[in-house]
Protein backbone atom coordinates (compact mmCIF):
# COMPACT_ATOMS: atom_id res chain seq x y z
CA MET A 1 37.93 127.94 5.88
CA LEU A 2 38.13 124.43 7.30
CA GLU A 3 36.91 122.88 4.06
CA PHE A 4 39.54 124.79 2.07
CA GLU A 5 42.26 123.82 4.56
CA GLY A 6 41.21 120.15 4.29
CA ARG A 7 41.51 120.15 0.54
CA GLY A 8 45.06 121.64 0.80
CA LEU A 9 46.14 119.11 3.43
CA ARG A 10 44.89 116.23 1.37
CA ARG A 11 47.23 117.34 -1.44
CA ILE A 12 50.06 117.49 1.05
CA ARG A 13 49.25 114.03 2.43
CA ALA A 14 49.61 112.59 -1.02
CA LEU A 15 53.10 114.11 -1.43
CA ARG A 16 54.63 113.45 1.95
CA PRO A 17 54.91 110.20 3.96
CA PRO A 18 53.78 109.98 7.61
CA GLN A 19 56.37 111.26 10.06
CA MET A 20 57.13 110.42 13.68
CA SER A 21 54.99 111.71 16.52
CA SER A 22 57.32 110.59 19.31
CA TRP A 23 61.04 109.98 20.01
CA THR A 24 62.58 107.96 22.76
CA ARG A 25 66.20 107.58 23.70
CA GLU A 26 65.84 103.82 23.95
CA ALA A 27 64.34 103.49 20.49
CA VAL A 28 67.41 105.06 18.87
CA GLY A 29 69.85 102.97 20.92
CA GLN A 30 70.97 105.78 23.26
CA GLN A 31 71.25 105.65 27.00
CA ALA A 32 69.82 108.05 29.51
CA LEU A 33 71.88 109.20 32.50
CA ALA A 34 73.93 106.22 33.50
CA SER A 35 73.82 103.96 36.54
CA ALA A 36 72.39 106.00 39.43
CA PRO A 37 68.64 106.71 39.46
CA PRO A 38 67.61 110.23 38.58
CA ALA A 39 66.97 112.77 41.30
CA ALA A 40 63.57 113.58 39.82
CA GLU A 41 61.46 112.84 36.72
CA LEU A 42 59.68 115.88 35.29
CA ARG A 43 57.34 116.55 32.40
CA VAL A 44 57.98 119.72 30.36
CA ALA A 45 56.10 121.11 27.41
CA SER A 46 56.17 123.81 24.77
CA TYR A 47 53.09 125.32 23.10
CA ASN A 48 52.55 128.13 20.64
CA ILE A 49 49.00 129.10 21.49
CA HIS A 50 48.57 131.40 18.45
CA LYS A 51 47.13 134.17 20.60
CA ALA A 52 44.35 131.76 21.67
CA VAL A 53 42.82 131.83 18.23
CA GLY A 54 41.99 128.38 16.97
CA ARG A 55 41.74 126.89 13.48
CA ASP A 56 38.07 127.96 13.42
CA ARG A 57 39.27 131.62 13.84
CA ARG A 58 37.63 131.79 17.25
CA PHE A 59 39.43 133.46 20.15
CA ASP A 60 38.92 131.00 23.02
CA PRO A 61 41.54 131.06 25.83
CA ASP A 62 39.59 128.42 27.80
CA ARG A 63 40.44 125.85 25.06
CA ILE A 64 44.13 126.59 25.63
CA ILE A 65 43.72 126.09 29.39
CA GLU A 66 42.02 122.79 28.77
CA VAL A 67 44.82 121.58 26.54
CA LEU A 68 47.30 122.50 29.21
CA ARG A 69 45.25 120.55 31.71
CA GLN A 70 45.40 117.54 29.38
CA ILE A 71 49.18 117.83 29.06
CA ASP A 72 49.69 117.94 32.82
CA ALA A 73 53.29 119.13 32.68
CA ASP A 74 55.41 120.47 35.54
CA VAL A 75 56.94 123.22 33.40
CA VAL A 76 55.49 124.78 30.25
CA ALA A 77 56.91 127.38 27.80
CA LEU A 78 54.16 129.23 25.96
CA GLN A 79 54.59 131.40 22.89
CA GLU A 80 52.32 134.04 21.47
CA ALA A 81 50.60 134.36 24.89
CA ASP A 82 50.33 138.18 24.62
CA GLN A 83 48.96 140.61 22.06
CA ARG A 84 51.77 141.64 19.68
CA PHE A 85 50.93 145.34 19.46
CA GLY A 86 49.63 148.20 21.60
CA GLU A 87 49.76 147.34 25.32
CA ARG A 88 50.64 143.78 24.45
CA SER A 89 48.02 142.53 26.90
CA GLY A 90 48.02 138.99 28.20
CA LEU A 91 45.45 136.70 26.67
CA LEU A 92 44.87 134.08 29.34
CA ASP A 93 42.85 134.14 32.57
CA LEU A 94 45.79 133.34 34.89
CA ALA A 95 43.59 132.76 37.86
CA ARG A 96 41.48 130.29 35.98
CA LEU A 97 44.65 128.73 34.52
CA GLU A 98 46.05 128.06 38.02
CA ARG A 99 42.73 126.64 39.33
CA ARG A 100 42.41 124.22 36.40
CA THR A 101 46.01 123.16 36.05
CA GLY A 102 48.02 124.14 39.12
CA LEU A 103 50.37 126.13 36.83
CA LYS A 104 51.36 129.75 37.48
CA PRO A 105 53.47 132.11 35.42
CA VAL A 106 56.99 133.26 36.16
CA PRO A 107 56.65 137.01 36.82
CA VAL A 108 58.52 139.31 34.49
CA GLN A 109 59.36 143.04 34.57
CA SER A 110 57.83 144.89 31.65
CA ALA A 111 56.37 148.23 30.71
CA TRP A 112 53.61 146.37 28.90
CA GLN A 113 50.50 144.61 30.19
CA GLY A 114 51.42 141.18 29.01
CA HIS A 115 51.89 137.93 30.88
CA GLY A 116 55.42 137.44 29.60
CA TRP A 117 58.31 138.74 27.47
CA HIS A 118 57.81 139.10 23.65
CA GLY A 119 54.88 136.64 24.11
CA ASN A 120 57.06 134.04 25.88
CA VAL A 121 55.61 132.79 29.17
CA VAL A 122 57.03 130.11 31.51
CA LEU A 123 54.53 128.27 33.65
CA PHE A 124 55.52 126.08 36.55
CA ARG A 125 53.96 123.96 39.33
CA ASP A 126 55.28 123.09 42.83
CA GLY A 127 58.52 124.92 42.57
CA ALA A 128 60.34 128.19 43.22
CA VAL A 129 61.76 130.86 40.90
CA THR A 130 65.31 131.83 41.91
CA ALA A 131 66.26 134.10 39.01
CA THR A 132 65.00 135.49 35.70
CA ARG A 133 66.57 137.24 32.75
CA GLN A 134 64.83 138.85 29.68
CA LEU A 135 66.75 138.79 26.46
CA VAL A 136 66.29 140.81 23.33
CA LEU A 137 67.28 138.62 20.40
CA PRO A 138 69.06 140.00 17.31
CA GLY A 139 67.37 140.04 13.91
CA VAL A 140 64.99 141.97 11.76
CA GLU A 141 61.88 141.15 13.73
CA PRO A 142 61.37 141.99 17.39
CA ARG A 143 62.03 138.70 19.21
CA GLY A 144 62.91 137.82 22.71
CA ALA A 145 63.63 134.98 25.11
CA LEU A 146 63.08 134.40 28.77
CA ILE A 147 65.71 132.67 30.91
CA VAL A 148 64.37 131.30 34.21
CA ASP A 149 66.15 129.43 37.04
CA LEU A 150 63.74 127.20 38.90
CA THR A 151 63.93 124.65 41.76
CA ILE A 152 61.51 121.84 41.03
CA SER A 153 61.33 118.71 43.27
CA ARG A 154 64.44 120.11 45.05
CA ALA A 155 66.36 119.99 41.75
CA PRO A 156 67.71 123.20 40.17
CA ILE A 157 67.03 123.70 36.43
CA ARG A 158 67.31 126.50 33.85
CA VAL A 159 64.53 127.05 31.39
CA VAL A 160 65.14 129.07 28.23
CA ALA A 161 61.82 129.93 26.54
CA ALA A 162 62.14 131.47 23.03
CA HIS A 163 60.31 132.13 19.85
CA LEU A 164 62.87 132.54 17.10
CA GLY A 165 62.56 134.56 13.89
CA LEU A 166 61.31 133.64 10.41
CA LEU A 167 64.62 134.38 8.69
CA ARG A 168 67.28 131.69 8.71
CA HIS A 169 70.19 134.15 9.21
CA SER A 170 68.35 135.76 12.17
CA ARG A 171 67.73 132.34 13.75
CA SER A 172 71.44 131.39 13.57
CA ARG A 173 72.35 134.69 15.32
CA GLN A 174 69.63 134.12 17.88
CA VAL A 175 70.92 130.64 18.65
CA GLU A 176 74.42 132.07 19.23
CA THR A 177 72.94 134.63 21.68
CA LEU A 178 70.95 132.02 23.54
CA ILE A 179 74.00 129.72 23.96
CA ALA A 180 76.13 132.59 25.33
CA ALA A 181 73.41 133.79 27.67
CA SER A 182 72.07 130.50 29.01
CA ARG A 183 75.28 128.85 30.30
CA PRO A 184 74.93 128.41 34.10
CA THR A 185 77.78 128.54 36.62
CA ASP A 186 76.40 125.90 38.98
CA GLY A 187 76.05 122.92 36.56
CA ARG A 188 72.30 122.81 36.52
CA PRO A 189 70.68 121.34 33.33
CA ILE A 190 69.35 123.73 30.71
CA PHE A 191 66.09 123.17 28.78
CA LEU A 192 65.62 125.26 25.61
CA MET A 193 61.94 125.16 24.64
CA GLY A 194 59.88 127.01 22.18
CA ASP A 195 58.81 127.68 18.60
CA LEU A 196 62.19 127.75 17.06
CA ASN A 197 60.80 128.07 13.48
CA GLU A 198 63.29 125.52 12.12
CA TRP A 199 62.28 122.15 10.71
CA ARG A 200 65.66 121.09 9.17
CA ILE A 201 68.12 118.88 10.96
CA GLY A 202 71.82 118.54 10.30
CA LYS A 203 74.27 121.13 8.98
CA LYS A 204 71.58 122.98 6.99
CA SER A 205 69.62 123.71 10.12
CA SER A 206 69.92 127.12 11.84
CA LEU A 207 69.88 125.13 15.05
CA HIS A 208 73.18 123.38 14.11
CA GLY A 209 75.03 125.72 16.40
CA LEU A 210 73.42 123.97 19.37
CA ALA A 211 75.45 120.86 18.54
CA PRO A 212 77.13 118.96 20.10
CA LYS A 213 76.06 120.02 23.60
CA PHE A 214 72.35 120.51 23.22
CA GLY A 215 70.09 117.76 22.13
CA PRO A 216 68.46 115.58 21.06
CA LEU A 217 68.38 117.70 17.85
CA GLN A 218 67.27 114.62 15.86
CA ALA A 219 64.05 114.51 17.85
CA ALA A 220 62.36 116.80 15.34
CA ILE A 221 58.64 115.96 15.62
CA PRO A 222 56.26 117.74 13.19
CA SER A 223 53.91 120.02 15.13
CA PHE A 224 52.65 122.49 12.44
CA PRO A 225 50.06 122.96 11.14
CA SER A 226 47.99 121.34 13.76
CA ARG A 227 45.37 119.89 11.37
CA PHE A 228 48.05 117.81 9.66
CA PRO A 229 51.49 118.43 11.17
CA ILE A 230 54.35 118.55 8.63
CA TRP A 231 57.02 120.88 9.95
CA ALA A 232 58.88 120.41 13.17
CA LEU A 233 58.89 124.03 14.30
CA ASP A 234 58.46 123.42 18.03
CA ARG A 235 61.35 121.91 19.89
CA ILE A 236 62.57 120.81 23.33
CA VAL A 237 66.32 120.29 23.72
CA ALA A 238 68.53 120.11 26.72
CA TYR A 239 72.07 120.34 28.00
CA PRO A 240 73.17 117.72 28.86
CA ALA A 241 71.17 116.11 26.03
CA GLU A 242 70.81 112.77 27.86
CA THR A 243 68.53 114.35 30.45
CA ILE A 244 65.69 114.11 27.89
CA THR A 245 64.45 110.51 27.57
CA GLN A 246 61.32 110.97 25.54
CA VAL A 247 59.72 113.70 23.30
CA GLU A 248 56.15 113.36 22.11
CA LEU A 249 53.41 115.27 20.29
CA HIS A 250 50.27 116.07 22.26
CA ASP A 251 47.78 115.32 19.54
CA THR A 252 44.14 115.34 20.52
CA ALA A 253 40.91 116.53 18.93
CA LEU A 254 40.98 119.68 21.09
CA SER A 255 44.68 120.51 20.56
CA ARG A 256 44.15 120.24 16.81
CA LEU A 257 41.43 122.90 17.05
CA ALA A 258 42.67 125.23 19.77
CA SER A 259 45.81 126.59 17.96
CA ASP A 260 47.63 126.26 14.62
CA HIS A 261 50.50 124.53 16.43
CA LEU A 262 50.31 121.26 18.38
CA PRO A 263 52.07 121.13 21.79
CA ILE A 264 55.14 118.99 22.31
CA LYS A 265 56.06 117.47 25.61
CA ALA A 266 59.12 115.68 27.02
CA VAL A 267 60.00 113.39 29.88
CA VAL A 268 63.11 114.66 31.73
CA HIS A 269 65.35 112.71 34.11
CA LEU A 270 67.26 115.13 36.31
CA PRO A 271 70.74 114.01 37.51
CA GLY A 272 71.56 113.64 41.16
CA GLU A 273 73.53 116.26 43.01
CA ASP A 274 76.82 114.42 42.50
CA ARG A 275 76.48 114.63 38.73
CA GLN A 276 75.22 118.15 38.22
CA ALA A 277 78.65 119.75 37.85
CA HIS A 278 79.89 119.72 34.27
């Protein structure tokens, strides 16, 4: 399987130029939150763990936990963390995950046995959950999103964890639903993270509805397939967009093997209390 995959990727390499593996606001001539220092700097990440099945077709949740330990983020959105059918059981050892990384999952209400909602799990460290909401997203496929209000480093944030559909029309409708449902009343920043299944940028993108408030939409870093990433399916965007100062691929030997997606991670500068209303 790996030999066959390697031959296919060599053909793709010959056709496509190398693409960026990181984006910074300074590199594109944009400013972060102006003047006053941020209230807190956080690291956030998004990772489609492919049901803990690696490129070698082995089910190995411990590899996923080790990749999360490498990333060392304060907040993580996971996709495909539960079985898709039957009892939709969770696939990770949560106690081991917390011991190794300090991360714990946001609890959700569900009739299933999974860790999250439609495979979406939000992990956090050193914070408190103040509210959660589970969304069913429109479209042909069964898809959902998890909206979580957290207080991290005494700063309130909202995390929207989602795994959007394969059909472009469905994704556009799902984006509209997420925008309508995620708007906070207290001015806290919003972070939309997940496998958004969209590699295009600009008006042809099904994510175009996020503009102009969410961003940076141009920070489309290829993360799939993990062996030789070509498509920027995994995204981290925020409102206000300037709270994100850096987006980067987590590309290691282990992450290339553990899942068919590479994780992406971002550095976030949260505004002070006097600038949170908007």
